N, C-alpha and C. Protein backbone atom coordinates (compact mmCIF):
# COMPACT_ATOMS: atom_id res chain seq x y z
N VAL A 1 0.66 -1.16 0.07
CA VAL A 1 0.09 -0.18 -0.14
C VAL A 1 0.93 1.36 -0.10
N ARG A 2 2.06 1.22 0.64
CA ARG A 2 2.96 2.17 0.67
C ARG A 2 3.48 2.41 -0.42
N ARG A 3 3.94 1.71 -1.04
CA ARG A 3 4.78 1.87 -2.55
C ARG A 3 3.59 1.96 -3.60
N ALA A 4 2.86 1.51 -3.37
CA ALA A 4 1.88 2.29 -4.23
C ALA A 4 1.24 4.05 -4.15
N ALA A 5 1.35 4.82 -2.89
CA ALA A 5 1.16 5.40 -2.77
C ALA A 5 2.12 6.49 -2.98
N ALA A 6 3.39 5.72 -2.89
CA ALA A 6 5.04 6.44 -3.03
C ALA A 6 5.15 6.80 -5.13
N VAL A 7 4.14 5.58 -5.50
CA VAL A 7 4.17 5.22 -6.79
C VAL A 7 3.64 6.33 -6.86
N ALA A 8 1.94 6.82 -6.88
CA ALA A 8 1.58 7.72 -7.62
C ALA A 8 1.99 9.18 -6.54
N THR A 9 2.18 9.15 -5.71
CA THR A 9 2.73 10.53 -5.39
C THR A 9 4.26 11.02 -6.72
N GLU A 10 5.16 10.10 -6.75
CA GLU A 10 6.03 10.68 -7.48
C GLU A 10 5.29 10.98 -8.79
N GLN A 11 4.81 9.79 -9.06
CA GLN A 11 3.37 10.73 -10.79
C GLN A 11 3.33 11.93 -10.62
N GLU A 12 2.73 12.43 -9.63
CA GLU A 12 1.85 13.30 -9.34
C GLU A 12 3.22 14.34 -9.52
N MET A 13 4.00 13.93 -9.32
CA MET A 13 4.92 15.25 -8.84
C MET A 13 6.16 15.31 -10.34
N VAL A 14 5.87 14.41 -11.05
CA VAL A 14 6.48 14.10 -12.65
C VAL A 14 4.94 15.41 -13.60
N ALA A 15 4.65 15.20 -13.20
CA ALA A 15 3.02 16.18 -14.05
C ALA A 15 3.19 17.44 -13.61
N ARG A 16 3.76 17.49 -12.27
CA ARG A 16 3.59 18.89 -11.89
C ARG A 16 4.75 19.50 -12.81
N VAL A 17 6.25 18.70 -12.66
CA VAL A 17 7.05 19.64 -13.32
C VAL A 17 7.00 19.57 -14.64
N ALA A 18 6.41 18.82 -15.44
CA ALA A 18 6.04 18.78 -16.79
C ALA A 18 5.05 20.17 -16.90
N GLU A 19 3.76 20.54 -15.93
CA GLU A 19 3.21 21.80 -15.92
C GLU A 19 4.07 23.06 -15.86
N MET A 20 5.08 23.10 -14.71
CA MET A 20 5.56 24.31 -14.16
C MET A 20 6.67 24.56 -15.68
N ARG A 21 7.31 23.10 -16.23
CA ARG A 21 7.86 23.87 -17.63
C ARG A 21 7.10 24.64 -18.91
N ALA A 22 6.13 24.04 -19.08
CA ALA A 22 5.32 24.67 -19.62
C ALA A 22 4.76 25.90 -19.52
N ARG A 23 4.67 26.52 -17.99
CA ARG A 23 4.14 27.33 -18.06
C ARG A 23 5.75 28.55 -17.94
N VAL A 24 6.89 27.58 -18.07
CA VAL A 24 8.02 28.32 -17.81
C VAL A 24 8.14 28.76 -19.86
N VAL A 25 7.97 27.83 -20.45
CA VAL A 25 7.80 27.73 -22.19
C VAL A 25 7.19 29.15 -22.63
N GLU A 26 6.05 29.21 -22.02
CA GLU A 26 4.78 30.12 -22.25
C GLU A 26 5.73 31.26 -21.82
N ALA A 27 6.06 31.54 -20.60
CA ALA A 27 6.66 33.06 -20.12
C ALA A 27 8.00 33.40 -20.95
N GLU A 28 8.77 32.16 -21.57
CA GLU A 28 9.85 32.91 -21.91
C GLU A 28 9.09 33.17 -23.54
N ALA A 29 8.21 32.57 -24.14
CA ALA A 29 7.72 33.26 -25.41
C ALA A 29 7.48 34.33 -25.25
N GLN A 30 6.87 35.23 -24.07
CA GLN A 30 6.33 35.93 -24.34
C GLN A 30 7.58 37.30 -24.15
N VAL A 31 8.09 37.15 -23.74
CA VAL A 31 9.32 38.08 -23.46
C VAL A 31 10.18 38.83 -24.85
N PRO A 32 9.97 37.88 -26.03
CA PRO A 32 10.46 39.15 -27.37
C PRO A 32 9.13 39.70 -27.78
N LEU A 33 8.21 39.73 -27.68
CA LEU A 33 6.97 40.36 -27.88
C LEU A 33 6.99 41.85 -26.54
N ALA A 34 7.27 41.32 -25.20
CA ALA A 34 7.49 42.68 -24.48
C ALA A 34 8.60 43.46 -24.58
N ILE A 35 9.81 42.81 -25.46
CA ILE A 35 10.96 43.85 -25.71
C ILE A 35 10.19 44.18 -26.97
N SER A 36 9.70 43.82 -27.63
CA SER A 36 9.29 44.63 -29.29
C SER A 36 8.17 45.82 -29.06
N GLU A 37 7.58 45.36 -27.98
CA GLU A 37 6.62 46.60 -26.75
C GLU A 37 7.73 47.31 -26.72
N ALA A 38 8.63 47.68 -25.83
CA ALA A 38 9.61 48.41 -25.26
C ALA A 38 10.00 49.21 -26.07
N PHE A 39 10.35 48.26 -27.34
CA PHE A 39 10.64 49.70 -28.35
C PHE A 39 10.21 50.57 -28.95
N ARG A 40 8.55 50.18 -29.22
CA ARG A 40 7.60 50.39 -29.41
C ARG A 40 7.43 51.84 -28.87
N SER A 41 7.70 51.89 -27.87
CA SER A 41 6.89 52.57 -26.81
C SER A 41 8.01 53.39 -26.33
N GLY A 42 8.97 53.13 -27.09
CA GLY A 42 10.37 54.06 -26.18
C GLY A 42 11.00 54.04 -25.04
N ASN A 43 10.44 52.88 -23.92
CA ASN A 43 10.88 52.30 -22.92
C ASN A 43 12.08 51.72 -22.85
N LEU A 44 12.97 51.11 -24.55
CA LEU A 44 13.83 50.38 -24.22
C LEU A 44 14.63 50.67 -25.63
N GLY A 45 15.74 51.15 -25.09
CA GLY A 45 16.77 52.23 -26.32
C GLY A 45 17.55 50.79 -27.40
N VAL A 46 18.30 51.22 -28.10
CA VAL A 46 19.10 50.49 -28.88
C VAL A 46 20.14 49.77 -27.58
N MET A 47 21.19 50.93 -27.35
CA MET A 47 22.05 50.63 -25.91
C MET A 47 21.36 49.81 -24.91
N ASP A 48 20.26 50.15 -24.89
CA ASP A 48 19.84 49.13 -23.91
C ASP A 48 19.75 47.71 -24.11
N TYR A 49 18.90 47.59 -24.86
CA TYR A 49 18.87 46.28 -25.84
C TYR A 49 20.48 45.31 -26.05
N TYR A 50 21.30 46.24 -26.41
CA TYR A 50 22.61 45.74 -26.71
C TYR A 50 23.46 45.45 -25.21
N ARG A 51 23.10 45.98 -24.18
CA ARG A 51 23.69 45.55 -22.78
C ARG A 51 22.84 44.43 -22.56
N LEU A 52 21.62 44.30 -22.52
CA LEU A 52 20.74 43.01 -21.89
C LEU A 52 21.56 41.96 -23.27
N LYS A 53 21.48 41.88 -24.39
CA LYS A 53 21.75 41.00 -24.73
C LYS A 53 23.52 40.27 -24.48
N ASN A 54 23.97 41.77 -23.63
CA ASN A 54 25.22 41.43 -23.71
C ASN A 54 26.13 40.56 -22.30
N ILE A 55 24.46 40.79 -21.24
CA ILE A 55 24.49 40.19 -20.02
C ILE A 55 24.04 38.77 -20.28
N GLN A 56 23.15 38.57 -21.37
CA GLN A 56 22.83 37.26 -21.71
C GLN A 56 23.55 35.86 -22.06
N ALA A 57 24.82 36.82 -22.58
CA ALA A 57 25.88 36.02 -23.49
C ALA A 57 27.23 35.76 -22.68
N ASP A 58 27.40 36.57 -21.67
CA ASP A 58 28.31 37.18 -20.30
C ASP A 58 27.49 35.64 -19.60
N THR A 59 26.40 35.64 -19.39
CA THR A 59 25.70 34.67 -18.23
C THR A 59 26.19 33.26 -19.23
N SER A 60 25.41 32.79 -19.93
CA SER A 60 25.71 31.60 -20.89
C SER A 60 27.61 31.98 -20.83
N MET A 61 28.10 32.69 -21.29
CA MET A 61 29.43 31.96 -21.02
C MET A 61 30.19 31.63 -20.05
N ARG A 62 29.68 32.12 -18.68
CA ARG A 62 30.57 32.14 -17.39
C ARG A 62 29.17 30.17 -17.15
N ASP A 63 28.17 30.04 -17.52
CA ASP A 63 27.35 28.80 -17.57
C ASP A 63 28.59 27.91 -17.75
N ALA A 64 29.18 28.11 -19.19
CA ALA A 64 29.55 26.82 -19.89
C ALA A 64 31.47 26.77 -19.09
N ILE A 65 31.46 27.79 -18.69
CA ILE A 65 32.97 27.62 -18.40
C ILE A 65 32.60 27.12 -16.75
N GLY A 66 31.82 27.50 -16.54
CA GLY A 66 31.51 27.21 -15.05
C GLY A 66 30.83 24.94 -14.83
N GLY A 67 30.90 24.60 -16.52
CA GLY A 67 30.57 23.14 -16.47
C GLY A 67 29.11 22.72 -15.84
N GLU A 68 28.10 23.97 -16.51
CA GLU A 68 26.54 23.88 -16.27
C GLU A 68 26.40 22.66 -17.42
N ASP A 69 25.57 21.48 -16.87
CA ASP A 69 25.44 20.60 -17.88
C ASP A 69 23.65 20.92 -18.62
N GLU A 70 24.16 21.87 -19.40
CA GLU A 70 22.51 22.25 -19.93
C GLU A 70 22.67 22.08 -21.47
N GLY A 71 21.64 22.25 -22.06
CA GLY A 71 21.74 22.60 -23.58
C GLY A 71 21.49 23.49 -24.36
N PRO A 72 21.76 23.72 -25.36
CA PRO A 72 21.47 25.03 -25.89
C PRO A 72 19.88 25.50 -25.86
N ASP A 73 19.18 24.76 -25.64
CA ASP A 73 17.32 25.37 -25.17
C ASP A 73 17.06 25.75 -23.59
N GLY A 74 18.12 25.21 -22.68
CA GLY A 74 18.54 25.75 -21.21
C GLY A 74 17.74 24.80 -20.39
N GLU A 75 17.57 23.46 -20.93
CA GLU A 75 17.19 22.29 -20.09
C GLU A 75 18.28 21.45 -19.66
N LEU A 76 17.92 20.90 -18.63
CA LEU A 76 19.61 20.36 -17.78
C LEU A 76 19.61 18.94 -18.47
N LYS A 77 20.57 18.36 -19.08
CA LYS A 77 20.98 17.41 -19.38
C LYS A 77 20.69 16.12 -18.86
N GLY A 78 20.43 14.70 -19.03
CA GLY A 78 20.22 13.96 -17.91
C GLY A 78 20.24 13.94 -16.70
């Protein structure tokens, strides 16, 4: 009985993780839209955009040097 409950709980957690990953993908899809809207409304300038991209590239480089086990899409491997 305990084993069945443990397996059921584990499956619930697996489903919850999948749901959370789907939410992250949704949120990440909205980022380019928000950036383009900020450009149009004047809240984001070209230099601000380049600074943002530079920070993202720097973070990616540091993760690669630090041995983060991530793929190009940001998901952890293995």
